[in-house]
């Protein structure tokens, strides 16, 4: 999630919010990724084209915690252009908080996918280096732990997200 969060930085997470409201694009969330994403061997749970993001995760949930930003929700159509999500035909290029994507293959995924009902598509802010939903698919709502809302460690990075 660099540059928004540094490696080792600690966050406070609201575990109750999503009992009352739905997660939204832009939210930074802590969640369980699909198995395989946690050990560096991400697998997609559905066939997909070479220039297309993964549309479904594997069926098994990891016990690891990841933190990423939601970029698309249930029913949205998504592709990726120069590291920016294109959601329902609109490029989200106003993302001043991300690191540029560069030339990585996952920076341009022009073939759109449709996010299934009850699923959320996650991307890290370090788009060229992030292992995220582009590789292992959208995350079921039930795997989302909560919304990160503040940082508390290290002391020089304390603040609201």
C-alpha atoms as a PDB file:
ATOM      1  CA  UNK A   1       0.000   0.000   0.000  1.00  0.00           C
ATOM      2  CA  UNK A   2       2.988   2.298  -0.359  1.00  0.00           C
ATOM      3  CA  UNK A   3       3.060   5.264  -0.452  1.00  0.00           C
ATOM      4  CA  UNK A   4      -0.157   5.517   1.625  1.00  0.00           C
ATOM      5  CA  UNK A   5       1.183   3.057   4.203  1.00  0.00           C
ATOM      6  CA  UNK A   6       4.745   1.972   4.889  1.00  0.00           C
ATOM      7  CA  UNK A   7       5.731  -1.649   5.439  1.00  0.00           C
ATOM      8  CA  UNK A   8       5.348  -2.314   9.165  1.00  0.00           C
ATOM      9  CA  UNK A   9       3.042   0.634   9.772  1.00  0.00           C
ATOM     10  CA  UNK A  10       0.150  -0.171  12.115  1.00  0.00           C
ATOM     11  CA  UNK A  11      -3.496   0.763  11.518  1.00  0.00           C
ATOM     12  CA  UNK A  12      -6.732   0.913  13.483  1.00  0.00           C
ATOM     13  CA  UNK A  13      -9.598  -1.001  11.877  1.00  0.00           C
ATOM     14  CA  UNK A  14     -13.341  -0.509  12.348  1.00  0.00           C
ATOM     15  CA  UNK A  15     -14.718  -4.072  12.463  1.00  0.00           C
ATOM     16  CA  UNK A  16     -18.336  -2.975  13.010  1.00  0.00           C
ATOM     17  CA  UNK A  17     -18.938  -0.434  10.226  1.00  0.00           C
ATOM     18  CA  UNK A  18     -19.765  -2.959   7.517  1.00  0.00           C
ATOM     19  CA  UNK A  19     -22.501  -4.489   9.662  1.00  0.00           C
ATOM     20  CA  UNK A  20     -24.438  -1.252   9.026  1.00  0.00           C
ATOM     21  CA  UNK A  21     -23.249  -0.095   5.594  1.00  0.00           C
ATOM     22  CA  UNK A  22     -21.680  -1.515   2.459  1.00  0.00           C
ATOM     23  CA  UNK A  23     -17.977  -1.157   1.653  1.00  0.00           C
ATOM     24  CA  UNK A  24     -17.306   1.509  -1.001  1.00  0.00           C
ATOM     25  CA  UNK A  25     -14.678   2.126  -3.655  1.00  0.00           C
ATOM     26  CA  UNK A  26     -11.892   4.180  -2.086  1.00  0.00           C
ATOM     27  CA  UNK A  27     -12.157   2.427   1.298  1.00  0.00           C
ATOM     28  CA  UNK A  28      -8.900   0.959   2.612  1.00  0.00           C
ATOM     29  CA  UNK A  29      -9.841  -2.414   4.073  1.00  0.00           C
ATOM     30  CA  UNK A  30      -8.274  -5.307   5.940  1.00  0.00           C
ATOM     31  CA  UNK A  31      -9.413  -8.669   4.602  1.00  0.00           C
ATOM     32  CA  UNK A  32      -8.497 -12.313   4.058  1.00  0.00           C
ATOM     33  CA  UNK A  33      -7.247 -12.951   0.511  1.00  0.00           C
ATOM     34  CA  UNK A  34      -7.822 -16.220  -1.317  1.00  0.00           C
ATOM     35  CA  UNK A  35      -5.445 -19.068  -0.434  1.00  0.00           C
ATOM     36  CA  UNK A  36      -2.338 -18.844  -2.574  1.00  0.00           C
ATOM     37  CA  UNK A  37      -2.267 -15.042  -2.555  1.00  0.00           C
ATOM     38  CA  UNK A  38      -0.614 -15.182   0.863  1.00  0.00           C
ATOM     39  CA  UNK A  39       2.406 -17.212  -0.240  1.00  0.00           C
ATOM     40  CA  UNK A  40       3.287 -15.464  -3.484  1.00  0.00           C
ATOM     41  CA  UNK A  41       1.642 -18.001  -5.794  1.00  0.00           C
ATOM     42  CA  UNK A  42      -1.688 -16.328  -6.579  1.00  0.00           C
ATOM     43  CA  UNK A  43      -4.175 -18.363  -8.529  1.00  0.00           C
ATOM     44  CA  UNK A  44      -7.254 -17.194 -10.318  1.00  0.00           C
ATOM     45  CA  UNK A  45     -10.446 -19.130  -9.615  1.00  0.00           C
ATOM     46  CA  UNK A  46     -11.797 -18.758 -13.175  1.00  0.00           C
ATOM     47  CA  UNK A  47     -10.383 -18.868 -16.682  1.00  0.00           C
ATOM     48  CA  UNK A  48      -9.419 -15.419 -17.942  1.00  0.00           C
ATOM     49  CA  UNK A  49      -7.707 -13.823 -20.903  1.00  0.00           C
ATOM     50  CA  UNK A  50      -4.064 -12.800 -20.909  1.00  0.00           C
ATOM     51  CA  UNK A  51      -4.965  -9.080 -20.929  1.00  0.00           C
ATOM     52  CA  UNK A  52      -7.761  -9.397 -18.391  1.00  0.00           C
ATOM     53  CA  UNK A  53      -7.936  -9.238 -14.595  1.00  0.00           C
ATOM     54  CA  UNK A  54      -8.997 -12.316 -12.653  1.00  0.00           C
ATOM     55  CA  UNK A  55     -12.800 -12.351 -12.336  1.00  0.00           C
ATOM     56  CA  UNK A  56     -13.158 -14.925  -9.521  1.00  0.00           C
ATOM     57  CA  UNK A  57     -10.971 -15.990  -6.582  1.00  0.00           C
ATOM     58  CA  UNK A  58     -10.282 -19.570  -5.629  1.00  0.00           C
ATOM     59  CA  UNK A  59     -12.885 -20.886  -3.189  1.00  0.00           C
ATOM     60  CA  UNK A  60     -10.624 -21.055  -0.157  1.00  0.00           C
ATOM     61  CA  UNK A  61      -9.949 -18.156   2.200  1.00  0.00           C
ATOM     62  CA  UNK A  62      -6.480 -17.570   3.637  1.00  0.00           C
ATOM     63  CA  UNK A  63      -6.022 -16.944   7.352  1.00  0.00           C
ATOM     64  CA  UNK A  64      -3.585 -14.084   6.566  1.00  0.00           C
ATOM     65  CA  UNK A  65      -4.639 -10.425   6.740  1.00  0.00           C
ATOM     66  CA  UNK A  66      -4.054  -8.141   3.753  1.00  0.00           C
ATOM     67  CA  UNK A  67      -4.717  -4.418   3.426  1.00  0.00           C
ATOM     68  CA  UNK A  68      -5.709  -2.885   0.074  1.00  0.00           C
ATOM     69  CA  UNK A  69      -8.011  -0.254  -1.407  1.00  0.00           C
ATOM     70  CA  UNK A  70     -11.430  -1.175  -2.858  1.00  0.00           C
ATOM     71  CA  UNK A  71     -11.601   0.055  -6.463  1.00  0.00           C
ATOM     72  CA  UNK A  72     -14.828  -1.627  -7.652  1.00  0.00           C
ATOM     73  CA  UNK A  73     -17.851  -3.274  -6.096  1.00  0.00           C
ATOM     74  CA  UNK A  74     -20.628  -5.730  -6.910  1.00  0.00           C
ATOM     75  CA  UNK A  75     -21.997  -5.408 -10.439  1.00  0.00           C
ATOM     76  CA  UNK A  76     -19.279  -3.030 -11.640  1.00  0.00           C
ATOM     77  CA  UNK A  77     -17.467  -3.629 -14.917  1.00  0.00           C
ATOM     78  CA  UNK A  78     -13.708  -3.192 -14.531  1.00  0.00           C
ATOM     79  CA  UNK A  79     -10.611  -2.972 -16.699  1.00  0.00           C
ATOM     80  CA  UNK A  80      -7.219  -1.392 -15.951  1.00  0.00           C
ATOM     81  CA  UNK A  81      -5.447   1.361 -17.917  1.00  0.00           C
ATOM     82  CA  UNK A  82      -1.917   2.429 -16.904  1.00  0.00           C
ATOM     83  CA  UNK A  83      -2.578   1.130 -13.385  1.00  0.00           C
ATOM     84  CA  UNK A  84      -5.844   3.045 -12.964  1.00  0.00           C
ATOM     85  CA  UNK A  85      -9.129   1.170 -12.647  1.00  0.00           C
ATOM     86  CA  UNK A  86     -11.669   1.856 -15.367  1.00  0.00           C
ATOM     87  CA  UNK A  87     -14.999   1.268 -13.638  1.00  0.00           C
ATOM     88  CA  UNK A  88     -18.184   1.181 -15.716  1.00  0.00           C
ATOM     89  CA  UNK A  89     -16.296   2.913 -18.536  1.00  0.00           C
ATOM     90  CA  UNK A  90     -14.921   5.747 -16.363  1.00  0.00           C
ATOM     91  CA  UNK A  91     -11.171   5.873 -15.648  1.00  0.00           C
ATOM     92  CA  UNK A  92     -10.340   6.704 -12.025  1.00  0.00           C
ATOM     93  CA  UNK A  93      -7.252   8.724 -12.957  1.00  0.00           C
ATOM     94  CA  UNK A  94      -7.608  11.234 -10.097  1.00  0.00           C
ATOM     95  CA  UNK A  95      -5.824   8.829  -7.749  1.00  0.00           C
ATOM     96  CA  UNK A  96      -3.099  11.187  -6.492  1.00  0.00           C
ATOM     97  CA  UNK A  97      -2.187   8.732  -3.695  1.00  0.00           C
ATOM     98  CA  UNK A  98      -0.839   5.918  -5.931  1.00  0.00           C
ATOM     99  CA  UNK A  99       2.597   5.154  -7.259  1.00  0.00           C
ATOM    100  CA  UNK A 100       2.672   5.056 -11.069  1.00  0.00           C
ATOM    101  CA  UNK A 101       2.287   1.598 -12.491  1.00  0.00           C
ATOM    102  CA  UNK A 102       5.152   1.502 -14.977  1.00  0.00           C
ATOM    103  CA  UNK A 103       5.503  -1.266 -17.543  1.00  0.00           C
ATOM    104  CA  UNK A 104       4.296  -4.274 -15.522  1.00  0.00           C
ATOM    105  CA  UNK A 105       1.897  -6.522 -17.453  1.00  0.00           C
ATOM    106  CA  UNK A 106      -0.894  -5.957 -14.900  1.00  0.00           C
ATOM    107  CA  UNK A 107      -0.762  -2.181 -15.551  1.00  0.00           C
ATOM    108  CA  UNK A 108      -2.875  -2.572 -18.675  1.00  0.00           C
ATOM    109  CA  UNK A 109      -5.719  -5.093 -18.629  1.00  0.00           C
ATOM    110  CA  UNK A 110      -8.080  -3.734 -21.308  1.00  0.00           C
ATOM    111  CA  UNK A 111     -10.520  -6.670 -21.447  1.00  0.00           C
ATOM    112  CA  UNK A 112     -13.266  -5.873 -18.902  1.00  0.00           C
ATOM    113  CA  UNK A 113     -14.575  -8.202 -16.217  1.00  0.00           C
ATOM    114  CA  UNK A 114     -17.815  -7.946 -14.252  1.00  0.00           C
ATOM    115  CA  UNK A 115     -17.528  -8.004 -10.460  1.00  0.00           C
ATOM    116  CA  UNK A 116     -19.929 -10.678  -9.118  1.00  0.00           C
ATOM    117  CA  UNK A 117     -22.654  -9.827  -6.595  1.00  0.00           C
ATOM    118  CA  UNK A 118     -21.223  -9.681  -3.063  1.00  0.00           C
ATOM    119  CA  UNK A 119     -17.602  -9.265  -4.207  1.00  0.00           C
ATOM    120  CA  UNK A 120     -15.110  -6.367  -4.090  1.00  0.00           C
ATOM    121  CA  UNK A 121     -12.075  -5.739  -6.299  1.00  0.00           C
ATOM    122  CA  UNK A 122      -8.952  -4.681  -4.357  1.00  0.00           C
ATOM    123  CA  UNK A 123      -5.814  -2.915  -5.591  1.00  0.00           C
ATOM    124  CA  UNK A 124      -2.739  -1.756  -3.710  1.00  0.00           C
ATOM    125  CA  UNK A 125      -1.574   1.838  -4.072  1.00  0.00           C
ATOM    126  CA  UNK A 126       1.854   0.738  -5.343  1.00  0.00           C
ATOM    127  CA  UNK A 127       0.215  -0.412  -8.577  1.00  0.00           C
ATOM    128  CA  UNK A 128       3.305  -1.720 -10.382  1.00  0.00           C
ATOM    129  CA  UNK A 129       4.380  -3.866  -7.417  1.00  0.00           C
ATOM    130  CA  UNK A 130       1.088  -4.812  -5.757  1.00  0.00           C
ATOM    131  CA  UNK A 131      -0.126  -8.403  -5.572  1.00  0.00           C
ATOM    132  CA  UNK A 132      -3.878  -7.811  -5.605  1.00  0.00           C
ATOM    133  CA  UNK A 133      -7.246  -8.718  -7.159  1.00  0.00           C
ATOM    134  CA  UNK A 134      -5.816  -8.333 -10.660  1.00  0.00           C
ATOM    135  CA  UNK A 135      -4.060 -11.668 -10.033  1.00  0.00           C
ATOM    136  CA  UNK A 136      -6.319 -13.531  -7.580  1.00  0.00           C
ATOM    137  CA  UNK A 137      -9.769 -12.048  -8.157  1.00  0.00           C
ATOM    138  CA  UNK A 138     -12.367 -10.037  -6.251  1.00  0.00           C
ATOM    139  CA  UNK A 139     -12.884 -10.772  -2.559  1.00  0.00           C
ATOM    140  CA  UNK A 140     -16.219 -11.923  -1.097  1.00  0.00           C
ATOM    141  CA  UNK A 141     -17.725  -9.465   1.372  1.00  0.00           C
ATOM    142  CA  UNK A 142     -17.567 -12.124   4.096  1.00  0.00           C
ATOM    143  CA  UNK A 143     -13.761 -12.107   3.890  1.00  0.00           C
ATOM    144  CA  UNK A 144     -13.562  -8.360   4.658  1.00  0.00           C
ATOM    145  CA  UNK A 145     -12.585  -7.769   8.285  1.00  0.00           C
ATOM    146  CA  UNK A 146     -13.086  -4.004   8.431  1.00  0.00           C
ATOM    147  CA  UNK A 147     -12.195  -0.516   7.271  1.00  0.00           C
ATOM    148  CA  UNK A 148      -8.813   0.968   8.194  1.00  0.00           C
ATOM    149  CA  UNK A 149      -9.344   4.517   9.444  1.00  0.00           C
ATOM    150  CA  UNK A 150      -6.163   5.661  11.236  1.00  0.00           C
ATOM    151  CA  UNK A 151      -2.496   4.847  11.746  1.00  0.00           C
ATOM    152  CA  UNK A 152      -0.903   4.655  15.200  1.00  0.00           C
ATOM    153  CA  UNK A 153       2.638   3.386  14.591  1.00  0.00           C
ATOM    154  CA  UNK A 154       5.308   4.562  14.070  1.00  0.00           C
ATOM    155  CA  UNK A 155       4.665   7.794  16.008  1.00  0.00           C
ATOM    156  CA  UNK A 156       5.878  10.032  13.165  1.00  0.00           C
ATOM    157  CA  UNK A 157       3.171   8.573  10.859  1.00  0.00           C
ATOM    158  CA  UNK A 158       0.153   8.843  13.222  1.00  0.00           C
ATOM    159  CA  UNK A 159      -2.882  10.113  11.350  1.00  0.00           C
ATOM    160  CA  UNK A 160      -6.256   9.590   9.735  1.00  0.00           C
ATOM    161  CA  UNK A 161      -6.458   7.589   6.481  1.00  0.00           C
END
